[in-house]
All heavy atoms as atom14 arrays in JSON, in Angstrom:
{
  "sequence": "GRQPVTLDIPLQSKALSDYVSDMGFTPSFETARMYK",
  "atom14_mask": [
    [1, 1, 1, 1, 0, 0, 0, 0, 0, 0, 0, 0, 0, 0],
    [1, 1, 1, 1, 1, 1, 1, 1, 1, 1, 1, 0, 0, 0],
    [1, 1, 1, 1, 1, 1, 1, 1, 1, 0, 0, 0, 0, 0],
    [1, 1, 1, 1, 1, 1, 1, 0, 0, 0, 0, 0, 0, 0],
    [1, 1, 1, 1, 1, 1, 1, 0, 0, 0, 0, 0, 0, 0],
    [1, 1, 1, 1, 1, 1, 1, 0, 0, 0, 0, 0, 0, 0],
    [1, 1, 1, 1, 1, 1, 1, 1, 0, 0, 0, 0, 0, 0],
    [1, 1, 1, 1, 1, 1, 1, 1, 0, 0, 0, 0, 0, 0],
    [1, 1, 1, 1, 1, 1, 1, 1, 0, 0, 0, 0, 0, 0],
    [1, 1, 1, 1, 1, 1, 1, 0, 0, 0, 0, 0, 0, 0],
    [1, 1, 1, 1, 1, 1, 1, 1, 0, 0, 0, 0, 0, 0],
    [1, 1, 1, 1, 1, 1, 1, 1, 1, 0, 0, 0, 0, 0],
    [1, 1, 1, 1, 1, 1, 0, 0, 0, 0, 0, 0, 0, 0],
    [1, 1, 1, 1, 1, 1, 1, 1, 1, 0, 0, 0, 0, 0],
    [1, 1, 1, 1, 1, 0, 0, 0, 0, 0, 0, 0, 0, 0],
    [1, 1, 1, 1, 1, 1, 1, 1, 0, 0, 0, 0, 0, 0],
    [1, 1, 1, 1, 1, 1, 0, 0, 0, 0, 0, 0, 0, 0],
    [1, 1, 1, 1, 1, 1, 1, 1, 0, 0, 0, 0, 0, 0],
    [1, 1, 1, 1, 1, 1, 1, 1, 1, 1, 1, 1, 0, 0],
    [1, 1, 1, 1, 1, 1, 1, 0, 0, 0, 0, 0, 0, 0],
    [1, 1, 1, 1, 1, 1, 0, 0, 0, 0, 0, 0, 0, 0],
    [1, 1, 1, 1, 1, 1, 1, 1, 0, 0, 0, 0, 0, 0],
    [1, 1, 1, 1, 1, 1, 1, 1, 0, 0, 0, 0, 0, 0],
    [1, 1, 1, 1, 0, 0, 0, 0, 0, 0, 0, 0, 0, 0],
    [1, 1, 1, 1, 1, 1, 1, 1, 1, 1, 1, 0, 0, 0],
    [1, 1, 1, 1, 1, 1, 1, 0, 0, 0, 0, 0, 0, 0],
    [1, 1, 1, 1, 1, 1, 1, 0, 0, 0, 0, 0, 0, 0],
    [1, 1, 1, 1, 1, 1, 0, 0, 0, 0, 0, 0, 0, 0],
    [1, 1, 1, 1, 1, 1, 1, 1, 1, 1, 1, 0, 0, 0],
    [1, 1, 1, 1, 1, 1, 1, 1, 1, 0, 0, 0, 0, 0],
    [1, 1, 1, 1, 1, 1, 1, 0, 0, 0, 0, 0, 0, 0],
    [1, 1, 1, 1, 1, 0, 0, 0, 0, 0, 0, 0, 0, 0],
    [1, 1, 1, 1, 1, 1, 1, 1, 1, 1, 1, 0, 0, 0],
    [1, 1, 1, 1, 1, 1, 1, 1, 0, 0, 0, 0, 0, 0],
    [1, 1, 1, 1, 1, 1, 1, 1, 1, 1, 1, 1, 0, 0],
    [1, 1, 1, 1, 1, 1, 1, 1, 1, 0, 0, 0, 0, 0]
  ],
  "atom14_positions": [
    [[92.76, 90.49, 68.25], [93.32, 91.63, 68.9], [93.19, 91.66, 70.44], [92.78, 90.77, 71.07], [0.0, 0.0, 0.0], [0.0, 0.0, 0.0], [0.0, 0.0, 0.0], [0.0, 0.0, 0.0], [0.0, 0.0, 0.0], [0.0, 0.0, 0.0], [0.0, 0.0, 0.0], [0.0, 0.0, 0.0], [0.0, 0.0, 0.0], [0.0, 0.0, 0.0]],
    [[93.49, 92.86, 70.91], [93.49, 92.97, 72.46], [92.05, 93.46, 72.79], [91.82, 94.59, 73.06], [94.54, 94.06, 72.87], [94.82, 94.04, 74.29], [95.93, 94.91, 74.77], [96.2, 94.8, 76.1], [96.94, 93.83, 76.74], [97.46, 92.85, 76.03], [97.2, 93.84, 78.03], [0.0, 0.0, 0.0], [0.0, 0.0, 0.0], [0.0, 0.0, 0.0]],
    [[91.31, 92.51, 73.11], [89.83, 92.68, 73.62], [89.8, 91.84, 74.88], [90.59, 90.98, 75.07], [88.86, 92.17, 72.57], [88.9, 92.86, 71.36], [87.53, 92.26, 70.56], [86.41, 92.51, 70.98], [87.89, 91.55, 69.41], [0.0, 0.0, 0.0], [0.0, 0.0, 0.0], [0.0, 0.0, 0.0], [0.0, 0.0, 0.0], [0.0, 0.0, 0.0]],
    [[88.89, 92.09, 75.81], [88.57, 91.23, 76.92], [88.23, 89.83, 76.44], [87.4, 89.66, 75.43], [87.32, 91.91, 77.62], [87.4, 93.44, 77.16], [87.87, 93.24, 75.66], [0.0, 0.0, 0.0], [0.0, 0.0, 0.0], [0.0, 0.0, 0.0], [0.0, 0.0, 0.0], [0.0, 0.0, 0.0], [0.0, 0.0, 0.0], [0.0, 0.0, 0.0]],
    [[88.82, 88.82, 77.05], [88.64, 87.46, 76.63], [88.0, 86.76, 77.83], [88.49, 86.86, 78.97], [89.98, 86.73, 76.21], [89.77, 85.29, 76.1], [90.46, 87.36, 75.02], [0.0, 0.0, 0.0], [0.0, 0.0, 0.0], [0.0, 0.0, 0.0], [0.0, 0.0, 0.0], [0.0, 0.0, 0.0], [0.0, 0.0, 0.0], [0.0, 0.0, 0.0]],
    [[87.0, 85.9, 77.63], [86.25, 85.19, 78.53], [86.3, 83.64, 78.3], [86.09, 83.22, 77.26], [84.78, 85.71, 78.62], [84.63, 87.05, 78.98], [84.03, 84.83, 79.7], [0.0, 0.0, 0.0], [0.0, 0.0, 0.0], [0.0, 0.0, 0.0], [0.0, 0.0, 0.0], [0.0, 0.0, 0.0], [0.0, 0.0, 0.0], [0.0, 0.0, 0.0]],
    [[86.6, 82.92, 79.45], [86.47, 81.48, 79.35], [85.56, 80.98, 80.55], [85.73, 81.52, 81.68], [87.89, 80.9, 79.5], [88.89, 81.16, 78.43], [89.94, 82.24, 78.98], [89.75, 79.91, 78.04], [0.0, 0.0, 0.0], [0.0, 0.0, 0.0], [0.0, 0.0, 0.0], [0.0, 0.0, 0.0], [0.0, 0.0, 0.0], [0.0, 0.0, 0.0]],
    [[84.78, 79.96, 80.32], [83.98, 79.33, 81.27], [84.64, 78.04, 81.58], [84.66, 77.09, 80.76], [82.47, 79.13, 80.81], [81.8, 80.44, 80.61], [81.94, 81.33, 81.54], [81.17, 80.57, 79.65], [0.0, 0.0, 0.0], [0.0, 0.0, 0.0], [0.0, 0.0, 0.0], [0.0, 0.0, 0.0], [0.0, 0.0, 0.0], [0.0, 0.0, 0.0]],
    [[85.3, 78.0, 82.82], [86.16, 76.91, 83.14], [85.54, 75.89, 84.23], [85.21, 76.42, 85.2], [87.53, 77.42, 83.57], [88.13, 78.37, 82.46], [88.45, 76.25, 83.83], [89.45, 78.96, 83.01], [0.0, 0.0, 0.0], [0.0, 0.0, 0.0], [0.0, 0.0, 0.0], [0.0, 0.0, 0.0], [0.0, 0.0, 0.0], [0.0, 0.0, 0.0]],
    [[85.33, 74.63, 83.72], [84.77, 73.61, 84.79], [85.75, 73.37, 85.88], [87.04, 73.44, 85.75], [84.54, 72.48, 83.84], [85.46, 72.46, 82.71], [85.69, 73.96, 82.56], [0.0, 0.0, 0.0], [0.0, 0.0, 0.0], [0.0, 0.0, 0.0], [0.0, 0.0, 0.0], [0.0, 0.0, 0.0], [0.0, 0.0, 0.0], [0.0, 0.0, 0.0]],
    [[85.28, 72.97, 86.87], [86.04, 72.73, 88.15], [87.04, 71.58, 87.81], [88.15, 71.65, 88.45], [85.07, 72.11, 89.3], [85.75, 71.74, 90.63], [86.24, 72.92, 91.31], [84.72, 70.92, 91.48], [0.0, 0.0, 0.0], [0.0, 0.0, 0.0], [0.0, 0.0, 0.0], [0.0, 0.0, 0.0], [0.0, 0.0, 0.0], [0.0, 0.0, 0.0]],
    [[86.83, 70.72, 86.87], [87.72, 69.63, 86.58], [89.04, 70.19, 85.9], [90.06, 69.39, 85.79], [87.16, 68.54, 85.64], [85.88, 67.82, 86.26], [84.62, 68.42, 86.01], [84.45, 69.68, 85.9], [83.59, 67.61, 85.78], [0.0, 0.0, 0.0], [0.0, 0.0, 0.0], [0.0, 0.0, 0.0], [0.0, 0.0, 0.0], [0.0, 0.0, 0.0]],
    [[89.01, 71.38, 85.43], [90.16, 71.98, 84.6], [90.72, 73.01, 85.55], [91.11, 74.2, 85.1], [89.66, 72.53, 83.44], [90.92, 72.98, 82.66], [0.0, 0.0, 0.0], [0.0, 0.0, 0.0], [0.0, 0.0, 0.0], [0.0, 0.0, 0.0], [0.0, 0.0, 0.0], [0.0, 0.0, 0.0], [0.0, 0.0, 0.0], [0.0, 0.0, 0.0]],
    [[91.15, 72.64, 86.85], [91.86, 73.52, 87.71], [93.14, 74.09, 87.06], [93.64, 75.26, 87.35], [92.09, 72.85, 89.0], [92.67, 73.82, 90.13], [92.86, 73.1, 91.36], [93.48, 74.01, 92.47], [94.83, 74.61, 92.14], [0.0, 0.0, 0.0], [0.0, 0.0, 0.0], [0.0, 0.0, 0.0], [0.0, 0.0, 0.0], [0.0, 0.0, 0.0]],
    [[93.78, 73.22, 86.26], [94.98, 73.67, 85.65], [94.86, 75.02, 84.72], [95.62, 75.85, 84.88], [95.7, 72.64, 84.81], [0.0, 0.0, 0.0], [0.0, 0.0, 0.0], [0.0, 0.0, 0.0], [0.0, 0.0, 0.0], [0.0, 0.0, 0.0], [0.0, 0.0, 0.0], [0.0, 0.0, 0.0], [0.0, 0.0, 0.0], [0.0, 0.0, 0.0]],
    [[93.73, 74.94, 84.03], [93.35, 76.21, 83.25], [93.07, 77.31, 84.03], [93.5, 78.53, 83.83], [92.29, 75.85, 82.24], [92.04, 76.97, 81.23], [93.08, 77.43, 80.51], [90.86, 76.6, 80.3], [0.0, 0.0, 0.0], [0.0, 0.0, 0.0], [0.0, 0.0, 0.0], [0.0, 0.0, 0.0], [0.0, 0.0, 0.0], [0.0, 0.0, 0.0]],
    [[92.22, 77.1, 85.15], [91.93, 78.15, 86.05], [93.15, 78.89, 86.61], [93.35, 80.05, 86.74], [91.05, 77.85, 87.17], [89.83, 77.15, 86.73], [0.0, 0.0, 0.0], [0.0, 0.0, 0.0], [0.0, 0.0, 0.0], [0.0, 0.0, 0.0], [0.0, 0.0, 0.0], [0.0, 0.0, 0.0], [0.0, 0.0, 0.0], [0.0, 0.0, 0.0]],
    [[94.14, 77.94, 87.13], [95.35, 78.49, 87.78], [96.21, 79.27, 86.67], [96.75, 80.37, 86.96], [96.22, 77.35, 88.34], [95.61, 76.64, 89.49], [94.66, 77.27, 90.12], [95.97, 75.55, 89.99], [0.0, 0.0, 0.0], [0.0, 0.0, 0.0], [0.0, 0.0, 0.0], [0.0, 0.0, 0.0], [0.0, 0.0, 0.0], [0.0, 0.0, 0.0]],
    [[96.26, 78.72, 85.4], [97.13, 79.26, 84.38], [96.56, 80.61, 84.02], [97.35, 81.74, 83.98], [97.05, 78.38, 83.22], [98.12, 78.81, 82.16], [99.48, 78.49, 82.33], [97.87, 79.51, 81.14], [100.42, 78.77, 81.46], [98.74, 79.96, 80.23], [100.18, 79.57, 80.36], [101.12, 79.92, 79.54], [0.0, 0.0, 0.0], [0.0, 0.0, 0.0]],
    [[95.2, 80.87, 83.92], [94.78, 82.1, 83.43], [94.82, 83.13, 84.56], [94.88, 84.37, 84.47], [93.37, 82.07, 82.8], [93.37, 81.27, 81.47], [92.37, 81.57, 83.74], [0.0, 0.0, 0.0], [0.0, 0.0, 0.0], [0.0, 0.0, 0.0], [0.0, 0.0, 0.0], [0.0, 0.0, 0.0], [0.0, 0.0, 0.0], [0.0, 0.0, 0.0]],
    [[94.6, 82.56, 85.83], [94.76, 83.45, 86.96], [96.1, 84.01, 87.01], [96.37, 85.33, 87.36], [94.48, 82.69, 88.3], [93.12, 82.32, 88.34], [0.0, 0.0, 0.0], [0.0, 0.0, 0.0], [0.0, 0.0, 0.0], [0.0, 0.0, 0.0], [0.0, 0.0, 0.0], [0.0, 0.0, 0.0], [0.0, 0.0, 0.0], [0.0, 0.0, 0.0]],
    [[97.18, 83.26, 86.75], [98.56, 83.76, 86.72], [98.74, 84.79, 85.68], [99.67, 85.63, 85.67], [99.67, 82.61, 86.5], [99.62, 81.62, 87.73], [99.25, 82.14, 88.73], [100.08, 80.52, 87.66], [0.0, 0.0, 0.0], [0.0, 0.0, 0.0], [0.0, 0.0, 0.0], [0.0, 0.0, 0.0], [0.0, 0.0, 0.0], [0.0, 0.0, 0.0]],
    [[97.92, 84.76, 84.54], [97.97, 85.81, 83.44], [97.27, 86.95, 83.88], [97.28, 87.99, 83.07], [97.36, 85.18, 82.25], [98.09, 83.91, 81.6], [97.22, 83.34, 80.16], [97.23, 84.58, 79.08], [0.0, 0.0, 0.0], [0.0, 0.0, 0.0], [0.0, 0.0, 0.0], [0.0, 0.0, 0.0], [0.0, 0.0, 0.0], [0.0, 0.0, 0.0]],
    [[96.62, 87.06, 84.92], [95.76, 88.27, 85.37], [94.36, 88.2, 85.15], [93.7, 89.15, 85.3], [0.0, 0.0, 0.0], [0.0, 0.0, 0.0], [0.0, 0.0, 0.0], [0.0, 0.0, 0.0], [0.0, 0.0, 0.0], [0.0, 0.0, 0.0], [0.0, 0.0, 0.0], [0.0, 0.0, 0.0], [0.0, 0.0, 0.0], [0.0, 0.0, 0.0]],
    [[93.78, 87.08, 84.68], [92.4, 86.85, 84.51], [91.67, 86.82, 85.82], [92.29, 86.26, 86.83], [92.03, 85.58, 83.73], [92.21, 85.72, 82.34], [93.42, 85.95, 81.72], [91.2, 85.41, 81.43], [93.64, 85.98, 80.35], [91.23, 85.42, 80.09], [92.52, 85.77, 79.45], [0.0, 0.0, 0.0], [0.0, 0.0, 0.0], [0.0, 0.0, 0.0]],
    [[90.51, 87.39, 85.95], [89.75, 87.35, 87.2], [88.47, 86.75, 87.08], [87.7, 86.84, 85.98], [89.61, 88.77, 87.68], [88.92, 89.53, 86.68], [90.97, 89.5, 88.06], [0.0, 0.0, 0.0], [0.0, 0.0, 0.0], [0.0, 0.0, 0.0], [0.0, 0.0, 0.0], [0.0, 0.0, 0.0], [0.0, 0.0, 0.0], [0.0, 0.0, 0.0]],
    [[88.04, 85.98, 88.13], [86.62, 85.34, 88.06], [85.58, 86.33, 88.2], [85.7, 87.37, 89.0], [86.62, 84.47, 89.25], [87.69, 84.99, 90.27], [88.77, 85.72, 89.4], [0.0, 0.0, 0.0], [0.0, 0.0, 0.0], [0.0, 0.0, 0.0], [0.0, 0.0, 0.0], [0.0, 0.0, 0.0], [0.0, 0.0, 0.0], [0.0, 0.0, 0.0]],
    [[84.46, 86.25, 87.51], [83.32, 87.2, 87.56], [82.16, 86.57, 88.14], [81.39, 87.2, 88.81], [83.08, 87.8, 86.22], [82.77, 86.85, 85.22], [0.0, 0.0, 0.0], [0.0, 0.0, 0.0], [0.0, 0.0, 0.0], [0.0, 0.0, 0.0], [0.0, 0.0, 0.0], [0.0, 0.0, 0.0], [0.0, 0.0, 0.0], [0.0, 0.0, 0.0]],
    [[81.92, 85.35, 87.8], [80.76, 84.62, 88.47], [80.82, 83.09, 88.21], [81.65, 82.65, 87.47], [79.38, 85.18, 87.91], [78.97, 84.57, 86.59], [78.11, 83.5, 86.43], [79.29, 85.32, 85.38], [77.79, 83.04, 85.22], [79.0, 84.84, 84.05], [78.12, 83.8, 84.09], [0.0, 0.0, 0.0], [0.0, 0.0, 0.0], [0.0, 0.0, 0.0]],
    [[80.05, 82.31, 88.96], [80.13, 80.84, 88.75], [78.75, 80.26, 88.6], [77.69, 80.83, 89.09], [80.76, 80.21, 89.72], [80.09, 80.33, 91.23], [80.95, 79.7, 92.36], [82.06, 79.96, 92.56], [80.37, 78.91, 92.96], [0.0, 0.0, 0.0], [0.0, 0.0, 0.0], [0.0, 0.0, 0.0], [0.0, 0.0, 0.0], [0.0, 0.0, 0.0]],
    [[78.7, 79.17, 87.99], [77.35, 78.46, 87.91], [77.68, 76.93, 88.29], [78.77, 76.51, 88.49], [76.91, 78.33, 86.41], [77.78, 77.59, 85.55], [76.66, 79.81, 85.81], [0.0, 0.0, 0.0], [0.0, 0.0, 0.0], [0.0, 0.0, 0.0], [0.0, 0.0, 0.0], [0.0, 0.0, 0.0], [0.0, 0.0, 0.0], [0.0, 0.0, 0.0]],
    [[76.6, 76.18, 88.6], [76.69, 74.82, 88.98], [76.34, 73.95, 87.82], [75.21, 74.16, 87.3], [75.76, 74.45, 90.27], [0.0, 0.0, 0.0], [0.0, 0.0, 0.0], [0.0, 0.0, 0.0], [0.0, 0.0, 0.0], [0.0, 0.0, 0.0], [0.0, 0.0, 0.0], [0.0, 0.0, 0.0], [0.0, 0.0, 0.0], [0.0, 0.0, 0.0]],
    [[77.12, 73.13, 87.47], [76.7, 72.08, 86.33], [75.87, 71.06, 87.09], [76.25, 70.46, 88.02], [78.0, 71.37, 85.75], [77.68, 70.29, 84.7], [76.74, 70.7, 83.6], [77.32, 71.61, 82.77], [78.01, 71.34, 81.69], [78.23, 70.25, 81.3], [78.53, 72.45, 80.89], [0.0, 0.0, 0.0], [0.0, 0.0, 0.0], [0.0, 0.0, 0.0]],
    [[74.57, 70.91, 86.65], [73.69, 70.0, 87.24], [73.11, 69.16, 86.13], [72.96, 69.53, 84.97], [72.51, 70.8, 87.83], [73.05, 71.95, 88.77], [71.75, 72.93, 89.72], [71.2, 71.72, 90.88], [0.0, 0.0, 0.0], [0.0, 0.0, 0.0], [0.0, 0.0, 0.0], [0.0, 0.0, 0.0], [0.0, 0.0, 0.0], [0.0, 0.0, 0.0]],
    [[72.65, 67.94, 86.6], [72.2, 66.98, 85.73], [70.97, 66.3, 86.27], [70.83, 65.99, 87.52], [73.1, 65.83, 85.38], [74.39, 66.26, 84.68], [75.53, 66.38, 85.4], [74.42, 66.45, 83.33], [76.7, 66.78, 84.69], [75.58, 66.91, 82.65], [76.68, 67.06, 83.32], [77.77, 67.41, 82.73], [0.0, 0.0, 0.0], [0.0, 0.0, 0.0]],
    [[69.98, 66.01, 85.32], [68.7, 65.17, 85.72], [68.89, 64.02, 85.06], [68.67, 63.96, 83.78], [67.51, 65.94, 85.56], [66.22, 65.16, 85.91], [64.94, 66.0, 85.68], [63.75, 65.33, 86.12], [62.47, 66.08, 86.08], [0.0, 0.0, 0.0], [0.0, 0.0, 0.0], [0.0, 0.0, 0.0], [0.0, 0.0, 0.0], [0.0, 0.0, 0.0]]
  ]
}
């Protein structure tokens, strides 16, 4: 149904970021993917 929907989108998927931005989705925060 019509609830707030959240996606965590990696930098490599700019196409999805652009697409949901066009749908009216807004960024709320970001994290850094880090590896040891």
